[in-house]
Amino acid sequence: MQLFRLCFVDIIKSKCTCIEENNTKIQR
């Protein structure tokens, strides 16, 4: 099974938000 990673660009905050399989929200 592959790890699930959803990454999208938040235009309002001008950041890249990545949501990992463990429901951890990572903002860069």
PDB file of N, CA and C in Angstrom:
ATOM      1  N   MET A   1       0.839  -1.211   0.000  1.00  0.00           N
ATOM      2  CA  MET A   1       0.000   0.000   0.000  1.00  0.00           C
ATOM      3  C   MET A   1       0.871   1.256   0.000  1.00  0.00           C
ATOM      4  N   GLN A   2       0.443   2.213  -0.767  1.00  0.00           N
ATOM      5  CA  GLN A   2       1.208   3.455  -0.845  1.00  0.00           C
ATOM      6  C   GLN A   2       0.708   4.448   0.192  1.00  0.00           C
ATOM      7  N   LEU A   3       1.638   5.268   0.661  1.00  0.00           N
ATOM      8  CA  LEU A   3       1.254   6.271   1.645  1.00  0.00           C
ATOM      9  C   LEU A   3       0.436   7.357   0.970  1.00  0.00           C
ATOM     10  N   PHE A   4      -0.572   7.789   1.657  1.00  0.00           N
ATOM     11  CA  PHE A   4      -1.444   8.815   1.106  1.00  0.00           C
ATOM     12  C   PHE A   4      -0.920  10.189   1.489  1.00  0.00           C
ATOM     13  N   ARG A   5      -0.741  11.025   0.464  1.00  0.00           N
ATOM     14  CA  ARG A   5      -0.309  12.391   0.746  1.00  0.00           C
ATOM     15  C   ARG A   5      -1.045  13.349  -0.166  1.00  0.00           C
ATOM     16  N   LEU A   6      -1.761  14.274   0.435  1.00  0.00           N
ATOM     17  CA  LEU A   6      -2.496  15.257  -0.350  1.00  0.00           C
ATOM     18  C   LEU A   6      -1.861  16.623  -0.156  1.00  0.00           C
ATOM     19  N   CYS A   7      -1.337  17.160  -1.254  1.00  0.00           N
ATOM     20  CA  CYS A   7      -0.678  18.462  -1.166  1.00  0.00           C
ATOM     21  C   CYS A   7      -1.407  19.442  -2.073  1.00  0.00           C
ATOM     22  N   PHE A   8      -1.689  20.604  -1.541  1.00  0.00           N
ATOM     23  CA  PHE A   8      -2.342  21.627  -2.350  1.00  0.00           C
ATOM     24  C   PHE A   8      -1.848  22.999  -1.933  1.00  0.00           C
ATOM     25  N   VAL A   9      -1.938  23.932  -2.850  1.00  0.00           N
ATOM     26  CA  VAL A   9      -1.450  25.279  -2.575  1.00  0.00           C
ATOM     27  C   VAL A   9      -2.585  26.129  -2.030  1.00  0.00           C
ATOM     28  N   ASP A  10      -2.333  26.714  -0.882  1.00  0.00           N
ATOM     29  CA  ASP A  10      -3.325  27.594  -0.283  1.00  0.00           C
ATOM     30  C   ASP A  10      -3.067  29.013  -0.767  1.00  0.00           C
ATOM     31  N   ILE A  11      -3.909  29.479  -1.652  1.00  0.00           N
ATOM     32  CA  ILE A  11      -3.707  30.793  -2.264  1.00  0.00           C
ATOM     33  C   ILE A  11      -3.902  31.910  -1.235  1.00  0.00           C
ATOM     34  N   ILE A  12      -4.846  31.728  -0.347  1.00  0.00           N
ATOM     35  CA  ILE A  12      -5.138  32.769   0.645  1.00  0.00           C
ATOM     36  C   ILE A  12      -3.951  32.967   1.590  1.00  0.00           C
ATOM     37  N   LYS A  13      -3.395  31.862   2.050  1.00  0.00           N
ATOM     38  CA  LYS A  13      -2.269  31.958   2.983  1.00  0.00           C
ATOM     39  C   LYS A  13      -0.934  31.958   2.250  1.00  0.00           C
ATOM     40  N   SER A  14      -0.993  31.723   0.940  1.00  0.00           N
ATOM     41  CA  SER A  14       0.219  31.673   0.121  1.00  0.00           C
ATOM     42  C   SER A  14       1.196  30.639   0.661  1.00  0.00           C
ATOM     43  N   LYS A  15       0.646  29.485   1.024  1.00  0.00           N
ATOM     44  CA  LYS A  15       1.500  28.420   1.546  1.00  0.00           C
ATOM     45  C   LYS A  15       1.135  27.096   0.888  1.00  0.00           C
ATOM     46  N   CYS A  16       2.037  26.136   1.042  1.00  0.00           N
ATOM     47  CA  CYS A  16       1.747  24.801   0.543  1.00  0.00           C
ATOM     48  C   CYS A  16       1.340  23.924   1.711  1.00  0.00           C
ATOM     49  N   THR A  17       0.123  23.427   1.658  1.00  0.00           N
ATOM     50  CA  THR A  17      -0.377  22.599   2.760  1.00  0.00           C
ATOM     51  C   THR A  17      -0.383  21.138   2.346  1.00  0.00           C
ATOM     52  N   CYS A  18       0.233  20.313   3.170  1.00  0.00           N
ATOM     53  CA  CYS A  18       0.281  18.879   2.880  1.00  0.00           C
ATOM     54  C   CYS A  18      -0.403  18.105   4.003  1.00  0.00           C
ATOM     55  N   ILE A  19      -1.347  17.275   3.611  1.00  0.00           N
ATOM     56  CA  ILE A  19      -2.035  16.454   4.611  1.00  0.00           C
ATOM     57  C   ILE A  19      -1.578  15.004   4.449  1.00  0.00           C
ATOM     58  N   GLU A  20      -0.965  14.480   5.482  1.00  0.00           N
ATOM     59  CA  GLU A  20      -0.406  13.134   5.395  1.00  0.00           C
ATOM     60  C   GLU A  20      -1.432  12.090   5.798  1.00  0.00           C
ATOM     61  N   GLU A  21      -1.033  10.847   5.653  1.00  0.00           N
ATOM     62  CA  GLU A  21      -1.909   9.729   5.942  1.00  0.00           C
ATOM     63  C   GLU A  21      -2.344   9.721   7.406  1.00  0.00           C
ATOM     64  N   ASN A  22      -1.469  10.189   8.294  1.00  0.00           N
ATOM     65  CA  ASN A  22      -1.771  10.170   9.724  1.00  0.00           C
ATOM     66  C   ASN A  22      -2.541  11.424  10.158  1.00  0.00           C
ATOM     67  N   ASN A  23      -3.166  12.081   9.177  1.00  0.00           N
ATOM     68  CA  ASN A  23      -3.971  13.277   9.468  1.00  0.00           C
ATOM     69  C   ASN A  23      -3.150  14.397  10.073  1.00  0.00           C
ATOM     70  N   THR A  24      -1.874  14.416   9.734  1.00  0.00           N
ATOM     71  CA  THR A  24      -1.019  15.489  10.236  1.00  0.00           C
ATOM     72  C   THR A  24      -0.952  16.593   9.197  1.00  0.00           C
ATOM     73  N   LYS A  25      -1.170  17.798   9.615  1.00  0.00           N
ATOM     74  CA  LYS A  25      -1.180  18.920   8.687  1.00  0.00           C
ATOM     75  C   LYS A  25       0.171  19.623   8.721  1.00  0.00           C
ATOM     76  N   ILE A  26       0.816  19.648   7.567  1.00  0.00           N
ATOM     77  CA  ILE A  26       2.135  20.274   7.500  1.00  0.00           C
ATOM     78  C   ILE A  26       2.060  21.511   6.607  1.00  0.00           C
ATOM     79  N   GLN A  27       2.449  22.652   7.140  1.00  0.00           N
ATOM     80  CA  GLN A  27       2.435  23.886   6.357  1.00  0.00           C
ATOM     81  C   GLN A  27       3.853  24.372   6.155  1.00  0.00           C
ATOM     82  N   ARG A  28       4.163  24.754   4.913  1.00  0.00           N
ATOM     83  CA  ARG A  28       5.503  25.262   4.627  1.00  0.00           C
ATOM     84  C   ARG A  28       5.404  26.702   4.189  1.00  0.00           C
TER      85      ARG A  28
END
